[in-house]
Amino acid sequence: MTMEKKTKYTRIDELSKNIRRREKRKMMARGEREESIWFGLGTFGIVGWSVAVPTIIGVAIGIWLDKKYPSNFSWTITLLLVGISLGCYNAWYWISRNRKYMESKKEKDKDE
């Protein structure tokens, strides 16, 4: 009887190891798949909005300042440039953060 129990437990251990190995392969395959067109469009949208929103806000504040406090220079153009600069910095921040996340995820997958 002890021999039968050992064999039964050994088979269960082998089965669980096989399941773990298959699960790990499946998870690695999911992590390595190429990103879809929707992922690219989503990233494009994030970058676009992160530049557009500060630019529009800058222009709106600039128009208001030009009407309220007229001067020799244009607040609208000045704040347009500030908005574009902030938007580009914001887009760079999100893209670099996403890249670091993807690299750390790949490193973690390699270690496992």
PDB file of N, CA and C in Angstrom:
ATOM      1  N   MET A   1       0.800  -1.194   0.000  1.00  0.00           N
ATOM      2  CA  MET A   1       0.000   0.000   0.000  1.00  0.00           C
ATOM      3  C   MET A   1       0.846   1.263   0.000  1.00  0.00           C
ATOM      4  N   THR A   2       1.950   1.264   0.725  1.00  0.00           N
ATOM      5  CA  THR A   2       2.788   2.463   0.742  1.00  0.00           C
ATOM      6  C   THR A   2       3.354   2.746  -0.638  1.00  0.00           C
ATOM      7  N   MET A   3       3.623   1.695  -1.389  1.00  0.00           N
ATOM      8  CA  MET A   3       4.140   1.863  -2.745  1.00  0.00           C
ATOM      9  C   MET A   3       3.086   2.519  -3.638  1.00  0.00           C
ATOM     10  N   GLU A   4       1.828   2.115  -3.476  1.00  0.00           N
ATOM     11  CA  GLU A   4       0.759   2.703  -4.265  1.00  0.00           C
ATOM     12  C   GLU A   4       0.581   4.179  -3.927  1.00  0.00           C
ATOM     13  N   LYS A   5       0.685   4.534  -2.639  1.00  0.00           N
ATOM     14  CA  LYS A   5       0.542   5.923  -2.226  1.00  0.00           C
ATOM     15  C   LYS A   5       1.680   6.773  -2.780  1.00  0.00           C
ATOM     16  N   LYS A   6       2.900   6.254  -2.721  1.00  0.00           N
ATOM     17  CA  LYS A   6       4.030   6.990  -3.266  1.00  0.00           C
ATOM     18  C   LYS A   6       3.839   7.228  -4.753  1.00  0.00           C
ATOM     19  N   THR A   7       3.395   6.222  -5.434  1.00  0.00           N
ATOM     20  CA  THR A   7       3.188   6.349  -6.867  1.00  0.00           C
ATOM     21  C   THR A   7       2.091   7.363  -7.156  1.00  0.00           C
ATOM     22  N   LYS A   8       1.044   7.333  -6.367  1.00  0.00           N
ATOM     23  CA  LYS A   8      -0.051   8.266  -6.554  1.00  0.00           C
ATOM     24  C   LYS A   8       0.415   9.698  -6.317  1.00  0.00           C
ATOM     25  N   TYR A   9       1.178   9.930  -5.241  1.00  0.00           N
ATOM     26  CA  TYR A   9       1.681  11.269  -4.943  1.00  0.00           C
ATOM     27  C   TYR A   9       2.722  11.715  -5.961  1.00  0.00           C
ATOM     28  N   THR A  10       3.525  10.774  -6.429  1.00  0.00           N
ATOM     29  CA  THR A  10       4.520  11.101  -7.443  1.00  0.00           C
ATOM     30  C   THR A  10       3.833  11.553  -8.731  1.00  0.00           C
ATOM     31  N   ARG A  11       2.761  10.869  -9.097  1.00  0.00           N
ATOM     32  CA  ARG A  11       2.021  11.257 -10.301  1.00  0.00           C
ATOM     33  C   ARG A  11       1.383  12.637 -10.136  1.00  0.00           C
ATOM     34  N   ILE A  12       0.878  12.910  -8.949  1.00  0.00           N
ATOM     35  CA  ILE A  12       0.280  14.219  -8.698  1.00  0.00           C
ATOM     36  C   ILE A  12       1.348  15.305  -8.790  1.00  0.00           C
ATOM     37  N   ASP A  13       2.533  15.042  -8.227  1.00  0.00           N
ATOM     38  CA  ASP A  13       3.630  16.013  -8.318  1.00  0.00           C
ATOM     39  C   ASP A  13       4.037  16.243  -9.770  1.00  0.00           C
ATOM     40  N   GLU A  14       4.136  15.184 -10.534  1.00  0.00           N
ATOM     41  CA  GLU A  14       4.499  15.323 -11.940  1.00  0.00           C
ATOM     42  C   GLU A  14       3.445  16.108 -12.705  1.00  0.00           C
ATOM     43  N   LEU A  15       2.181  15.835 -12.399  1.00  0.00           N
ATOM     44  CA  LEU A  15       1.098  16.548 -13.054  1.00  0.00           C
ATOM     45  C   LEU A  15       1.140  18.035 -12.701  1.00  0.00           C
ATOM     46  N   SER A  16       1.344  18.359 -11.442  1.00  0.00           N
ATOM     47  CA  SER A  16       1.389  19.776 -11.045  1.00  0.00           C
ATOM     48  C   SER A  16       2.599  20.479 -11.654  1.00  0.00           C
ATOM     49  N   LYS A  17       3.743  19.795 -11.740  1.00  0.00           N
ATOM     50  CA  LYS A  17       4.916  20.388 -12.390  1.00  0.00           C
ATOM     51  C   LYS A  17       4.649  20.645 -13.867  1.00  0.00           C
ATOM     52  N   ASN A  18       3.981  19.686 -14.512  1.00  0.00           N
ATOM     53  CA  ASN A  18       3.649  19.832 -15.925  1.00  0.00           C
ATOM     54  C   ASN A  18       2.700  21.009 -16.135  1.00  0.00           C
ATOM     55  N   ILE A  19       1.719  21.143 -15.263  1.00  0.00           N
ATOM     56  CA  ILE A  19       0.767  22.253 -15.369  1.00  0.00           C
ATOM     57  C   ILE A  19       1.483  23.580 -15.152  1.00  0.00           C
ATOM     58  N   ARG A  20       2.365  23.661 -14.154  1.00  0.00           N
ATOM     59  CA  ARG A  20       3.125  24.893 -13.908  1.00  0.00           C
ATOM     60  C   ARG A  20       3.986  25.269 -15.101  1.00  0.00           C
ATOM     61  N   ARG A  21       4.642  24.262 -15.684  1.00  0.00           N
ATOM     62  CA  ARG A  21       5.502  24.521 -16.840  1.00  0.00           C
ATOM     63  C   ARG A  21       4.692  25.042 -18.025  1.00  0.00           C
ATOM     64  N   ARG A  22       3.543  24.429 -18.274  1.00  0.00           N
ATOM     65  CA  ARG A  22       2.684  24.886 -19.370  1.00  0.00           C
ATOM     66  C   ARG A  22       2.132  26.282 -19.111  1.00  0.00           C
ATOM     67  N   GLU A  23       1.760  26.540 -17.868  1.00  0.00           N
ATOM     68  CA  GLU A  23       1.247  27.861 -17.523  1.00  0.00           C
ATOM     69  C   GLU A  23       2.321  28.928 -17.719  1.00  0.00           C
ATOM     70  N   LYS A  24       3.539  28.612 -17.313  1.00  0.00           N
ATOM     71  CA  LYS A  24       4.641  29.565 -17.469  1.00  0.00           C
ATOM     72  C   LYS A  24       4.899  29.853 -18.948  1.00  0.00           C
ATOM     73  N   ARG A  25       4.881  28.819 -19.787  1.00  0.00           N
ATOM     74  CA  ARG A  25       5.062  29.012 -21.227  1.00  0.00           C
ATOM     75  C   ARG A  25       3.948  29.868 -21.819  1.00  0.00           C
ATOM     76  N   LYS A  26       2.736  29.617 -21.364  1.00  0.00           N
ATOM     77  CA  LYS A  26       1.597  30.381 -21.869  1.00  0.00           C
ATOM     78  C   LYS A  26       1.706  31.855 -21.471  1.00  0.00           C
ATOM     79  N   MET A  27       2.094  32.105 -20.229  1.00  0.00           N
ATOM     80  CA  MET A  27       2.242  33.477 -19.761  1.00  0.00           C
ATOM     81  C   MET A  27       3.373  34.188 -20.511  1.00  0.00           C
ATOM     82  N   MET A  28       4.458  33.490 -20.770  1.00  0.00           N
ATOM     83  CA  MET A  28       5.563  34.089 -21.525  1.00  0.00           C
ATOM     84  C   MET A  28       5.117  34.406 -22.949  1.00  0.00           C
ATOM     85  N   ALA A  29       4.338  33.519 -23.543  1.00  0.00           N
ATOM     86  CA  ALA A  29       3.847  33.751 -24.905  1.00  0.00           C
ATOM     87  C   ALA A  29       2.926  34.963 -24.944  1.00  0.00           C
ATOM     88  N   ARG A  30       2.113  35.120 -23.931  1.00  0.00           N
ATOM     89  CA  ARG A  30       1.233  36.292 -23.879  1.00  0.00           C
ATOM     90  C   ARG A  30       2.044  37.568 -23.735  1.00  0.00           C
ATOM     91  N   GLY A  31       3.105  37.521 -22.963  1.00  0.00           N
ATOM     92  CA  GLY A  31       3.930  38.704 -22.744  1.00  0.00           C
ATOM     93  C   GLY A  31       4.756  39.080 -23.955  1.00  0.00           C
ATOM     94  N   GLU A  32       5.072  38.123 -24.787  1.00  0.00           N
ATOM     95  CA  GLU A  32       5.936  38.381 -25.942  1.00  0.00           C
ATOM     96  C   GLU A  32       5.172  38.718 -27.216  1.00  0.00           C
ATOM     97  N   ARG A  33       3.861  38.612 -27.179  1.00  0.00           N
ATOM     98  CA  ARG A  33       3.118  38.876 -28.417  1.00  0.00           C
ATOM     99  C   ARG A  33       3.270  40.339 -28.819  1.00  0.00           C
ATOM    100  N   GLU A  34       3.176  40.559 -30.086  1.00  0.00           N
ATOM    101  CA  GLU A  34       3.300  41.923 -30.592  1.00  0.00           C
ATOM    102  C   GLU A  34       2.048  42.707 -30.224  1.00  0.00           C
ATOM    103  N   GLU A  35       2.243  43.974 -29.996  1.00  0.00           N
ATOM    104  CA  GLU A  35       1.123  44.821 -29.629  1.00  0.00           C
ATOM    105  C   GLU A  35       0.232  45.039 -30.850  1.00  0.00           C
ATOM    106  N   SER A  36      -1.046  45.156 -30.599  1.00  0.00           N
ATOM    107  CA  SER A  36      -2.001  45.313 -31.688  1.00  0.00           C
ATOM    108  C   SER A  36      -2.032  46.761 -32.174  1.00  0.00           C
ATOM    109  N   ILE A  37      -2.776  46.962 -33.228  1.00  0.00           N
ATOM    110  CA  ILE A  37      -2.940  48.299 -33.780  1.00  0.00           C
ATOM    111  C   ILE A  37      -3.633  49.202 -32.778  1.00  0.00           C
ATOM    112  N   TRP A  38      -4.503  48.638 -31.951  1.00  0.00           N
ATOM    113  CA  TRP A  38      -5.220  49.436 -30.954  1.00  0.00           C
ATOM    114  C   TRP A  38      -4.269  49.975 -29.906  1.00  0.00           C
ATOM    115  N   PHE A  39      -3.246  49.190 -29.538  1.00  0.00           N
ATOM    116  CA  PHE A  39      -2.256  49.671 -28.574  1.00  0.00           C
ATOM    117  C   PHE A  39      -1.513  50.871 -29.165  1.00  0.00           C
ATOM    118  N   GLY A  40      -1.136  50.775 -30.436  1.00  0.00           N
ATOM    119  CA  GLY A  40      -0.441  51.875 -31.099  1.00  0.00           C
ATOM    120  C   GLY A  40      -1.311  53.118 -31.205  1.00  0.00           C
ATOM    121  N   LEU A  41      -2.576  52.921 -31.539  1.00  0.00           N
ATOM    122  CA  LEU A  41      -3.492  54.059 -31.623  1.00  0.00           C
ATOM    123  C   LEU A  41      -3.735  54.675 -30.249  1.00  0.00           C
ATOM    124  N   GLY A  42      -3.797  53.834 -29.229  1.00  0.00           N
ATOM    125  CA  GLY A  42      -3.965  54.345 -27.872  1.00  0.00           C
ATOM    126  C   GLY A  42      -2.773  55.183 -27.436  1.00  0.00           C
ATOM    127  N   THR A  43      -1.581  54.695 -27.735  1.00  0.00           N
ATOM    128  CA  THR A  43      -0.373  55.457 -27.406  1.00  0.00           C
ATOM    129  C   THR A  43      -0.336  56.762 -28.192  1.00  0.00           C
ATOM    130  N   PHE A  44      -0.692  56.688 -29.447  1.00  0.00           N
ATOM    131  CA  PHE A  44      -0.745  57.891 -30.281  1.00  0.00           C
ATOM    132  C   PHE A  44      -1.733  58.892 -29.703  1.00  0.00           C
ATOM    133  N   GLY A  45      -2.879  58.393 -29.233  1.00  0.00           N
ATOM    134  CA  GLY A  45      -3.891  59.264 -28.632  1.00  0.00           C
ATOM    135  C   GLY A  45      -3.405  59.917 -27.350  1.00  0.00           C
ATOM    136  N   ILE A  46      -2.716  59.150 -26.509  1.00  0.00           N
ATOM    137  CA  ILE A  46      -2.191  59.703 -25.261  1.00  0.00           C
ATOM    138  C   ILE A  46      -1.187  60.808 -25.554  1.00  0.00           C
ATOM    139  N   VAL A  47      -0.301  60.553 -26.502  1.00  0.00           N
ATOM    140  CA  VAL A  47       0.703  61.558 -26.864  1.00  0.00           C
ATOM    141  C   VAL A  47       0.015  62.797 -27.446  1.00  0.00           C
ATOM    142  N   GLY A  48      -0.953  62.592 -28.315  1.00  0.00           N
ATOM    143  CA  GLY A  48      -1.654  63.717 -28.924  1.00  0.00           C
ATOM    144  C   GLY A  48      -2.382  64.572 -27.899  1.00  0.00           C
ATOM    145  N   TRP A  49      -3.125  63.931 -27.016  1.00  0.00           N
ATOM    146  CA  TRP A  49      -3.863  64.684 -26.008  1.00  0.00           C
ATOM    147  C   TRP A  49      -2.938  65.339 -24.997  1.00  0.00           C
ATOM    148  N   SER A  50      -1.831  64.684 -24.669  1.00  0.00           N
ATOM    149  CA  SER A  50      -0.923  65.282 -23.687  1.00  0.00           C
ATOM    150  C   SER A  50      -0.234  66.527 -24.248  1.00  0.00           C
ATOM    151  N   VAL A  51      -0.185  66.673 -25.567  1.00  0.00           N
ATOM    152  CA  VAL A  51       0.342  67.894 -26.173  1.00  0.00           C
ATOM    153  C   VAL A  51      -0.792  68.896 -26.432  1.00  0.00           C
ATOM    154  N   ALA A  52      -1.928  68.402 -26.883  1.00  0.00           N
ATOM    155  CA  ALA A  52      -3.026  69.294 -27.270  1.00  0.00           C
ATOM    156  C   ALA A  52      -3.642  70.034 -26.087  1.00  0.00           C
ATOM    157  N   VAL A  53      -3.855  69.337 -24.981  1.00  0.00           N
ATOM    158  CA  VAL A  53      -4.546  69.967 -23.849  1.00  0.00           C
ATOM    159  C   VAL A  53      -3.764  71.161 -23.282  1.00  0.00           C
ATOM    160  N   PRO A  54      -2.474  71.023 -22.946  1.00  0.00           N
ATOM    161  CA  PRO A  54      -1.764  72.205 -22.453  1.00  0.00           C
ATOM    162  C   PRO A  54      -1.670  73.332 -23.491  1.00  0.00           C
ATOM    163  N   THR A  55      -1.598  72.966 -24.762  1.00  0.00           N
ATOM    164  CA  THR A  55      -1.531  73.978 -25.817  1.00  0.00           C
ATOM    165  C   THR A  55      -2.838  74.779 -25.878  1.00  0.00           C
ATOM    166  N   ILE A  56      -3.957  74.079 -25.844  1.00  0.00           N
ATOM    167  CA  ILE A  56      -5.259  74.757 -25.889  1.00  0.00           C
ATOM    168  C   ILE A  56      -5.467  75.618 -24.648  1.00  0.00           C
ATOM    169  N   ILE A  57      -5.079  75.105 -23.503  1.00  0.00           N
ATOM    170  CA  ILE A  57      -5.200  75.887 -22.270  1.00  0.00           C
ATOM    171  C   ILE A  57      -4.334  77.147 -22.358  1.00  0.00           C
ATOM    172  N   GLY A  58      -3.108  76.993 -22.850  1.00  0.00           N
ATOM    173  CA  GLY A  58      -2.222  78.150 -23.015  1.00  0.00           C
ATOM    174  C   GLY A  58      -2.790  79.187 -23.954  1.00  0.00           C
ATOM    175  N   VAL A  59      -3.357  78.747 -25.063  1.00  0.00           N
ATOM    176  CA  VAL A  59      -3.952  79.677 -26.024  1.00  0.00           C
ATOM    177  C   VAL A  59      -5.158  80.387 -25.414  1.00  0.00           C
ATOM    178  N   ALA A  60      -5.995  79.642 -24.699  1.00  0.00           N
ATOM    179  CA  ALA A  60      -7.184  80.250 -24.090  1.00  0.00           C
ATOM    180  C   ALA A  60      -6.789  81.308 -23.060  1.00  0.00           C
ATOM    181  N   ILE A  61      -5.822  80.990 -22.215  1.00  0.00           N
ATOM    182  CA  ILE A  61      -5.354  81.967 -21.224  1.00  0.00           C
ATOM    183  C   ILE A  61      -4.702  83.161 -21.932  1.00  0.00           C
ATOM    184  N   GLY A  62      -3.962  82.902 -23.005  1.00  0.00           N
ATOM    185  CA  GLY A  62      -3.322  83.973 -23.766  1.00  0.00           C
ATOM    186  C   GLY A  62      -4.324  84.918 -24.396  1.00  0.00           C
ATOM    187  N   ILE A  63      -5.390  84.379 -24.966  1.00  0.00           N
ATOM    188  CA  ILE A  63      -6.428  85.228 -25.557  1.00  0.00           C
ATOM    189  C   ILE A  63      -7.083  86.086 -24.477  1.00  0.00           C
ATOM    190  N   TRP A  64      -7.372  85.469 -23.343  1.00  0.00           N
ATOM    191  CA  TRP A  64      -7.980  86.217 -22.238  1.00  0.00           C
ATOM    192  C   TRP A  64      -7.051  87.337 -21.764  1.00  0.00           C
ATOM    193  N   LEU A  65      -5.732  87.019 -21.608  1.00  0.00           N
ATOM    194  CA  LEU A  65      -4.778  88.046 -21.166  1.00  0.00           C
ATOM    195  C   LEU A  65      -4.624  89.159 -22.196  1.00  0.00           C
ATOM    196  N   ASP A  66      -4.643  88.814 -23.499  1.00  0.00           N
ATOM    197  CA  ASP A  66      -4.540  89.837 -24.547  1.00  0.00           C
ATOM    198  C   ASP A  66      -5.737  90.794 -24.513  1.00  0.00           C
ATOM    199  N   LYS A  67      -6.911  90.253 -24.229  1.00  0.00           N
ATOM    200  CA  LYS A  67      -8.102  91.108 -24.156  1.00  0.00           C
ATOM    201  C   LYS A  67      -8.103  91.941 -22.878  1.00  0.00           C
ATOM    202  N   LYS A  68      -7.699  91.331 -21.776  1.00  0.00           N
ATOM    203  CA  LYS A  68      -7.749  91.999 -20.474  1.00  0.00           C
ATOM    204  C   LYS A  68      -6.597  92.984 -20.288  1.00  0.00           C
ATOM    205  N   TYR A  69      -5.397  92.575 -20.679  1.00  0.00           N
ATOM    206  CA  TYR A  69      -4.195  93.413 -20.490  1.00  0.00           C
ATOM    207  C   TYR A  69      -3.426  93.535 -21.803  1.00  0.00           C
ATOM    208  N   PRO A  70      -3.837  94.412 -22.704  1.00  0.00           N
ATOM    209  CA  PRO A  70      -3.123  94.574 -23.987  1.00  0.00           C
ATOM    210  C   PRO A  70      -1.679  95.041 -23.746  1.00  0.00           C
ATOM    211  N   SER A  71      -0.759  94.511 -24.539  1.00  0.00           N
ATOM    212  CA  SER A  71       0.650  94.884 -24.401  1.00  0.00           C
ATOM    213  C   SER A  71       1.314  94.865 -25.772  1.00  0.00           C
ATOM    214  N   ASN A  72       2.627  95.149 -25.788  1.00  0.00           N
ATOM    215  CA  ASN A  72       3.384  95.188 -27.043  1.00  0.00           C
ATOM    216  C   ASN A  72       3.652  93.794 -27.614  1.00  0.00           C
ATOM    217  N   PHE A  73       3.565  92.794 -26.793  1.00  0.00           N
ATOM    218  CA  PHE A  73       3.777  91.429 -27.272  1.00  0.00           C
ATOM    219  C   PHE A  73       2.486  90.630 -27.099  1.00  0.00           C
ATOM    220  N   SER A  74       2.432  89.494 -27.738  1.00  0.00           N
ATOM    221  CA  SER A  74       1.221  88.676 -27.723  1.00  0.00           C
ATOM    222  C   SER A  74       1.309  87.598 -26.636  1.00  0.00           C
ATOM    223  N   TRP A  75       0.394  87.689 -25.689  1.00  0.00           N
ATOM    224  CA  TRP A  75       0.312  86.640 -24.667  1.00  0.00           C
ATOM    225  C   TRP A  75      -0.097  85.310 -25.301  1.00  0.00           C
ATOM    226  N   THR A  76      -0.912  85.378 -26.311  1.00  0.00           N
ATOM    227  CA  THR A  76      -1.403  84.157 -26.953  1.00  0.00           C
ATOM    228  C   THR A  76      -0.252  83.349 -27.542  1.00  0.00           C
ATOM    229  N   ILE A  77       0.619  84.009 -28.288  1.00  0.00           N
ATOM    230  CA  ILE A  77       1.755  83.300 -28.890  1.00  0.00           C
ATOM    231  C   ILE A  77       2.713  82.808 -27.811  1.00  0.00           C
ATOM    232  N   THR A  78       2.947  83.646 -26.804  1.00  0.00           N
ATOM    233  CA  THR A  78       3.850  83.243 -25.723  1.00  0.00           C
ATOM    234  C   THR A  78       3.327  82.011 -25.002  1.00  0.00           C
ATOM    235  N   LEU A  79       2.047  82.035 -24.628  1.00  0.00           N
ATOM    236  CA  LEU A  79       1.488  80.892 -23.901  1.00  0.00           C
ATOM    237  C   LEU A  79       1.241  79.689 -24.812  1.00  0.00           C
ATOM    238  N   LEU A  80       1.099  79.939 -26.119  1.00  0.00           N
ATOM    239  CA  LEU A  80       1.040  78.835 -27.076  1.00  0.00           C
ATOM    240  C   LEU A  80       2.353  78.058 -27.032  1.00  0.00           C
ATOM    241  N   LEU A  81       3.471  78.764 -27.081  1.00  0.00           N
ATOM    242  CA  LEU A  81       4.784  78.114 -27.031  1.00  0.00           C
ATOM    243  C   LEU A  81       5.009  77.411 -25.695  1.00  0.00           C
ATOM    244  N   VAL A  82       4.569  78.060 -24.603  1.00  0.00           N
ATOM    245  CA  VAL A  82       4.685  77.429 -23.281  1.00  0.00           C
ATOM    246  C   VAL A  82       3.846  76.151 -23.233  1.00  0.00           C
ATOM    247  N   GLY A  83       2.625  76.210 -23.773  1.00  0.00           N
ATOM    248  CA  GLY A  83       1.745  75.034 -23.788  1.00  0.00           C
ATOM    249  C   GLY A  83       2.322  73.895 -24.607  1.00  0.00           C
ATOM    250  N   ILE A  84       2.882  74.219 -25.758  1.00  0.00           N
ATOM    251  CA  ILE A  84       3.503  73.178 -26.593  1.00  0.00           C
ATOM    252  C   ILE A  84       4.697  72.568 -25.868  1.00  0.00           C
ATOM    253  N   SER A  85       5.500  73.415 -25.224  1.00  0.00           N
ATOM    254  CA  SER A  85       6.660  72.902 -24.483  1.00  0.00           C
ATOM    255  C   SER A  85       6.235  71.982 -23.350  1.00  0.00           C
ATOM    256  N   LEU A  86       5.244  72.416 -22.582  1.00  0.00           N
ATOM    257  CA  LEU A  86       4.749  71.566 -21.492  1.00  0.00           C
ATOM    258  C   LEU A  86       4.145  70.276 -22.033  1.00  0.00           C
ATOM    259  N   GLY A  87       3.421  70.371 -23.135  1.00  0.00           N
ATOM    260  CA  GLY A  87       2.824  69.183 -23.740  1.00  0.00           C
ATOM    261  C   GLY A  87       3.871  68.195 -24.227  1.00  0.00           C
ATOM    262  N   CYS A  88       4.919  68.700 -24.849  1.00  0.00           N
ATOM    263  CA  CYS A  88       5.987  67.810 -25.317  1.00  0.00           C
ATOM    264  C   CYS A  88       6.707  67.145 -24.142  1.00  0.00           C
ATOM    265  N   TYR A  89       6.936  67.903 -23.091  1.00  0.00           N
ATOM    266  CA  TYR A  89       7.549  67.322 -21.894  1.00  0.00           C
ATOM    267  C   TYR A  89       6.634  66.255 -21.291  1.00  0.00           C
ATOM    268  N   ASN A  90       5.349  66.541 -21.244  1.00  0.00           N
ATOM    269  CA  ASN A  90       4.379  65.590 -20.710  1.00  0.00           C
ATOM    270  C   ASN A  90       4.348  64.309 -21.544  1.00  0.00           C
ATOM    271  N   ALA A  91       4.346  64.438 -22.866  1.00  0.00           N
ATOM    272  CA  ALA A  91       4.358  63.266 -23.747  1.00  0.00           C
ATOM    273  C   ALA A  91       5.642  62.470 -23.563  1.00  0.00           C
ATOM    274  N   TRP A  92       6.766  63.155 -23.477  1.00  0.00           N
ATOM    275  CA  TRP A  92       8.042  62.469 -23.252  1.00  0.00           C
ATOM    276  C   TRP A  92       8.012  61.707 -21.936  1.00  0.00           C
ATOM    277  N   TYR A  93       7.450  62.311 -20.892  1.00  0.00           N
ATOM    278  CA  TYR A  93       7.370  61.666 -19.581  1.00  0.00           C
ATOM    279  C   TYR A  93       6.558  60.365 -19.660  1.00  0.00           C
ATOM    280  N   TRP A  94       5.389  60.422 -20.294  1.00  0.00           N
ATOM    281  CA  TRP A  94       4.541  59.235 -20.371  1.00  0.00           C
ATOM    282  C   TRP A  94       5.173  58.139 -21.224  1.00  0.00           C
ATOM    283  N   ILE A  95       5.795  58.499 -22.319  1.00  0.00           N
ATOM    284  CA  ILE A  95       6.434  57.498 -23.183  1.00  0.00           C
ATOM    285  C   ILE A  95       7.618  56.863 -22.469  1.00  0.00           C
ATOM    286  N   SER A  96       8.445  57.661 -21.791  1.00  0.00           N
ATOM    287  CA  SER A  96       9.599  57.086 -21.085  1.00  0.00           C
ATOM    288  C   SER A  96       9.140  56.233 -19.916  1.00  0.00           C
ATOM    289  N   ARG A  97       8.083  56.624 -19.253  1.00  0.00           N
ATOM    290  CA  ARG A  97       7.553  55.822 -18.139  1.00  0.00           C
ATOM    291  C   ARG A  97       7.033  54.479 -18.664  1.00  0.00           C
ATOM    292  N   ASN A  98       6.334  54.500 -19.777  1.00  0.00           N
ATOM    293  CA  ASN A  98       5.827  53.276 -20.383  1.00  0.00           C
ATOM    294  C   ASN A  98       6.970  52.377 -20.842  1.00  0.00           C
ATOM    295  N   ARG A  99       8.017  52.974 -21.417  1.00  0.00           N
ATOM    296  CA  ARG A  99       9.167  52.192 -21.869  1.00  0.00           C
ATOM    297  C   ARG A  99       9.869  51.520 -20.691  1.00  0.00           C
ATOM    298  N   LYS A 100      10.052  52.258 -19.588  1.00  0.00           N
ATOM    299  CA  LYS A 100      10.692  51.679 -18.399  1.00  0.00           C
ATOM    300  C   LYS A 100       9.864  50.539 -17.833  1.00  0.00           C
ATOM    301  N   TYR A 101       8.542  50.702 -17.849  1.00  0.00           N
ATOM    302  CA  TYR A 101       7.661  49.644 -17.359  1.00  0.00           C
ATOM    303  C   TYR A 101       7.803  48.391 -18.218  1.00  0.00           C
ATOM    304  N   MET A 102       7.813  48.569 -19.529  1.00  0.00           N
ATOM    305  CA  MET A 102       7.939  47.421 -20.431  1.00  0.00           C
ATOM    306  C   MET A 102       9.292  46.731 -20.263  1.00  0.00           C
ATOM    307  N   GLU A 103      10.367  47.511 -20.093  1.00  0.00           N
ATOM    308  CA  GLU A 103      11.693  46.930 -19.894  1.00  0.00           C
ATOM    309  C   GLU A 103      11.766  46.162 -18.580  1.00  0.00           C
ATOM    310  N   SER A 104      11.194  46.709 -17.513  1.00  0.00           N
ATOM    311  CA  SER A 104      11.221  46.016 -16.227  1.00  0.00           C
ATOM    312  C   SER A 104      10.378  44.749 -16.282  1.00  0.00           C
ATOM    313  N   LYS A 105       9.291  44.789 -17.049  1.00  0.00           N
ATOM    314  CA  LYS A 105       8.450  43.612 -17.208  1.00  0.00           C
ATOM    315  C   LYS A 105       9.207  42.513 -17.945  1.00  0.00           C
ATOM    316  N   LYS A 106       9.959  42.891 -18.984  1.00  0.00           N
ATOM    317  CA  LYS A 106      10.748  41.900 -19.722  1.00  0.00           C
ATOM    318  C   LYS A 106      11.854  41.314 -18.842  1.00  0.00           C
ATOM    319  N   GLU A 107      12.495  42.168 -18.052  1.00  0.00           N
ATOM    320  CA  GLU A 107      13.539  41.695 -17.127  1.00  0.00           C
ATOM    321  C   GLU A 107      12.958  40.717 -16.119  1.00  0.00           C
ATOM    322  N   LYS A 108      11.796  41.037 -15.599  1.00  0.00           N
ATOM    323  CA  LYS A 108      11.155  40.179 -14.615  1.00  0.00           C
ATOM    324  C   LYS A 108      10.797  38.839 -15.231  1.00  0.00           C
ATOM    325  N   ASP A 109      10.301  38.863 -16.475  1.00  0.00           N
ATOM    326  CA  ASP A 109       9.955  37.623 -17.163  1.00  0.00           C
ATOM    327  C   ASP A 109      11.180  36.769 -17.441  1.00  0.00           C
ATOM    328  N   LYS A 110      12.312  37.405 -17.741  1.00  0.00           N
ATOM    329  CA  LYS A 110      13.548  36.654 -17.996  1.00  0.00           C
ATOM    330  C   LYS A 110      14.058  35.985 -16.719  1.00  0.00           C
ATOM    331  N   ASP A 111      13.910  36.680 -15.585  1.00  0.00           N
ATOM    332  CA  ASP A 111      14.377  36.129 -14.318  1.00  0.00           C
ATOM    333  C   ASP A 111      13.573  34.924 -13.876  1.00  0.00           C
ATOM    334  N   GLU A 112      12.307  34.902 -14.248  1.00  0.00           N
ATOM    335  CA  GLU A 112      11.455  33.778 -13.844  1.00  0.00           C
ATOM    336  C   GLU A 112      11.671  32.655 -14.776  1.00  0.00           C
TER     337      GLU A 112
END
